[in-house]
Amino acid sequence: MFISDTKRQVIKRWKSKTAFIYLLLSMTAILLNSIYSIFGHGVSSAAMTWMFLYPLLGGSLFYFLLEGFLPGIKQIKGYRIFYNSYNSGIALFTLGSLLHGIVDIAGTNSPFVTIYYITGGIGVITGLIILRIFFAIYRKASRHL
């Protein structure tokens, strides 16, 4: 009983830690935009202004909802595949938005910025497909209990 309770506490702390880290990353993105706008000579970019939404909505809110709807999903073998793929996609979206903003403020454009969005989308979609598979496994396993 004691080991089971400890495992539950570790899993709950782990999920809330992920949501908290994403919240910190959102605040860091806001701070980075504020500092960059000071040195941007009055020029701003929508991509850089709104880049905080990727970790806020795609990270914090997503993991908060995931914890609410699927509390034991982390225990499923292979969950780390989803976790790594999805988080990499969110990171690429955020980084792509940052680079897009820098390129916009510099007054130029680059075809390479779209690669970040494409690979980020692939990572997020792959992660969500894997999560859907895990959800089906989770639901099937919970029916047998």
Protein backbone atom coordinates (compact mmCIF):
# COMPACT_ATOMS: atom_id res chain seq x y z
CA MET A 1 0.00 0.00 0.00
CA PHE A 2 2.75 2.44 0.91
CA ILE A 3 4.69 1.85 -2.34
CA SER A 4 1.51 2.30 -4.36
CA ASP A 5 0.77 5.63 -2.65
CA THR A 6 4.35 6.78 -3.24
CA LYS A 7 4.09 5.92 -6.94
CA ARG A 8 0.89 7.93 -7.22
CA GLN A 9 2.48 10.94 -5.55
CA VAL A 10 5.51 10.75 -7.87
CA ILE A 11 3.30 10.50 -10.96
CA LYS A 12 1.12 13.44 -9.85
CA ARG A 13 4.17 15.55 -9.04
CA TRP A 14 5.73 14.65 -12.40
CA LYS A 15 2.71 15.78 -14.40
CA SER A 16 2.24 18.98 -12.47
CA LYS A 17 5.98 19.60 -12.82
CA THR A 18 5.69 19.39 -16.61
CA ALA A 19 2.80 21.87 -16.63
CA PHE A 20 4.74 24.17 -14.27
CA ILE A 21 7.87 24.03 -16.46
CA TYR A 22 5.79 25.00 -19.48
CA LEU A 23 4.29 27.87 -17.51
CA LEU A 24 7.81 29.08 -16.69
CA LEU A 25 8.75 28.78 -20.37
CA SER A 26 5.74 30.92 -21.29
CA MET A 27 6.82 33.60 -18.84
CA THR A 28 10.36 33.38 -20.20
CA ALA A 29 9.03 33.90 -23.73
CA ILE A 30 7.13 37.00 -22.57
CA LEU A 31 10.25 38.32 -20.85
CA LEU A 32 12.39 37.60 -23.91
CA ASN A 33 9.94 39.46 -26.14
CA SER A 34 9.92 42.42 -23.76
CA ILE A 35 13.71 42.61 -23.62
CA TYR A 36 14.05 42.13 -27.37
CA SER A 37 11.51 44.88 -28.06
CA ILE A 38 13.58 47.33 -25.98
CA PHE A 39 16.53 46.78 -28.30
CA GLY A 40 14.43 46.37 -31.46
CA HIS A 41 14.37 50.11 -32.28
CA GLY A 42 10.59 50.27 -32.09
CA VAL A 43 10.04 47.37 -34.48
CA SER A 44 8.05 44.38 -33.28
CA SER A 45 6.86 41.11 -34.71
CA ALA A 46 3.60 39.29 -34.14
CA ALA A 47 5.40 35.94 -34.28
CA MET A 48 7.63 36.92 -31.37
CA THR A 49 4.86 38.67 -29.44
CA TRP A 50 2.61 35.60 -29.48
CA MET A 51 5.27 32.86 -29.16
CA PHE A 52 4.38 32.43 -25.48
CA LEU A 53 1.12 30.78 -26.53
CA TYR A 54 2.83 27.60 -27.73
CA PRO A 55 4.19 26.60 -24.31
CA LEU A 56 1.19 28.06 -22.49
CA LEU A 57 -1.60 26.38 -24.44
CA GLY A 58 0.27 23.48 -26.00
CA GLY A 59 2.25 22.75 -22.87
CA SER A 60 0.74 23.90 -19.56
CA LEU A 61 -2.92 23.70 -20.48
CA PHE A 62 -2.48 20.46 -22.42
CA TYR A 63 -0.70 18.63 -19.59
CA PHE A 64 -3.12 20.03 -17.02
CA LEU A 65 -6.03 18.61 -19.03
CA LEU A 66 -4.16 15.38 -19.68
CA GLU A 67 -3.70 14.93 -15.93
CA GLY A 68 -7.41 15.47 -15.40
CA PHE A 69 -8.70 13.13 -18.09
CA LEU A 70 -6.05 10.39 -18.01
CA PRO A 71 -4.53 10.27 -14.53
CA GLY A 72 -2.67 6.95 -14.98
CA ILE A 73 -1.51 7.34 -18.58
CA LYS A 74 2.15 7.68 -17.62
CA GLN A 75 2.17 4.12 -16.32
CA ILE A 76 1.53 2.73 -19.80
CA LYS A 77 4.67 1.29 -21.33
CA GLY A 78 5.99 3.51 -24.12
CA TYR A 79 4.43 6.73 -22.81
CA ARG A 80 7.82 8.40 -23.08
CA ILE A 81 7.60 8.16 -26.91
CA PHE A 82 4.54 10.39 -26.87
CA TYR A 83 6.08 12.70 -24.29
CA ASN A 84 9.31 13.24 -26.22
CA SER A 85 7.63 13.64 -29.60
CA TYR A 86 5.00 16.08 -28.39
CA ASN A 87 7.40 18.19 -26.34
CA SER A 88 9.86 18.36 -29.25
CA GLY A 89 7.05 19.61 -31.48
CA ILE A 90 6.10 22.35 -29.02
CA ALA A 91 9.75 23.34 -28.65
CA LEU A 92 10.15 23.57 -32.44
CA PHE A 93 7.00 25.69 -32.75
CA THR A 94 8.30 28.07 -30.07
CA LEU A 95 11.79 28.25 -31.54
CA GLY A 96 10.37 28.75 -35.03
CA SER A 97 8.23 31.60 -33.77
CA LEU A 98 11.26 33.18 -32.08
CA LEU A 99 13.36 32.95 -35.23
CA HIS A 100 10.47 34.19 -37.36
CA GLY A 101 10.22 37.22 -35.08
CA ILE A 102 13.95 37.90 -35.24
CA VAL A 103 13.93 37.66 -39.02
CA ASP A 104 10.87 39.96 -39.22
CA ILE A 105 12.47 42.56 -36.97
CA ALA A 106 15.66 42.38 -39.03
CA GLY A 107 13.55 43.27 -42.08
CA THR A 108 14.26 40.16 -44.10
CA ASN A 109 12.77 36.72 -44.60
CA SER A 110 14.07 33.18 -44.63
CA PRO A 111 12.62 30.01 -46.12
CA PHE A 112 14.20 28.00 -43.31
CA VAL A 113 11.80 29.32 -40.68
CA THR A 114 8.97 27.28 -42.18
CA ILE A 115 11.00 24.12 -41.61
CA TYR A 116 10.62 24.70 -37.86
CA TYR A 117 6.85 24.93 -38.17
CA ILE A 118 6.62 21.86 -40.40
CA THR A 119 8.80 19.66 -38.17
CA GLY A 120 7.05 21.02 -35.07
CA GLY A 121 3.70 20.09 -36.59
CA ILE A 122 4.97 16.63 -37.42
CA GLY A 123 6.20 16.18 -33.84
CA VAL A 124 2.93 17.35 -32.28
CA ILE A 125 0.76 15.31 -34.65
CA THR A 126 2.90 12.20 -34.12
CA GLY A 127 2.66 12.68 -30.37
CA LEU A 128 -1.12 13.11 -30.50
CA ILE A 129 -1.52 9.98 -32.66
CA ILE A 130 0.56 8.02 -30.16
CA LEU A 131 -1.48 9.51 -27.31
CA ARG A 132 -4.68 8.41 -29.05
CA ILE A 133 -3.33 4.87 -29.27
CA PHE A 134 -2.36 4.98 -25.59
CA PHE A 135 -5.81 6.33 -24.72
CA ALA A 136 -7.39 3.31 -26.39
CA ILE A 137 -5.05 1.00 -24.46
CA TYR A 138 -5.76 2.87 -21.22
CA ARG A 139 -9.51 2.69 -21.72
CA LYS A 140 -9.33 -1.02 -22.58
CA ALA A 141 -7.17 -1.74 -19.52
CA SER A 142 -9.45 0.23 -17.19
CA ARG A 143 -12.51 -1.72 -18.38
CA HIS A 144 -10.91 -5.00 -17.38
CA LEU A 145 -10.27 -3.82 -13.82
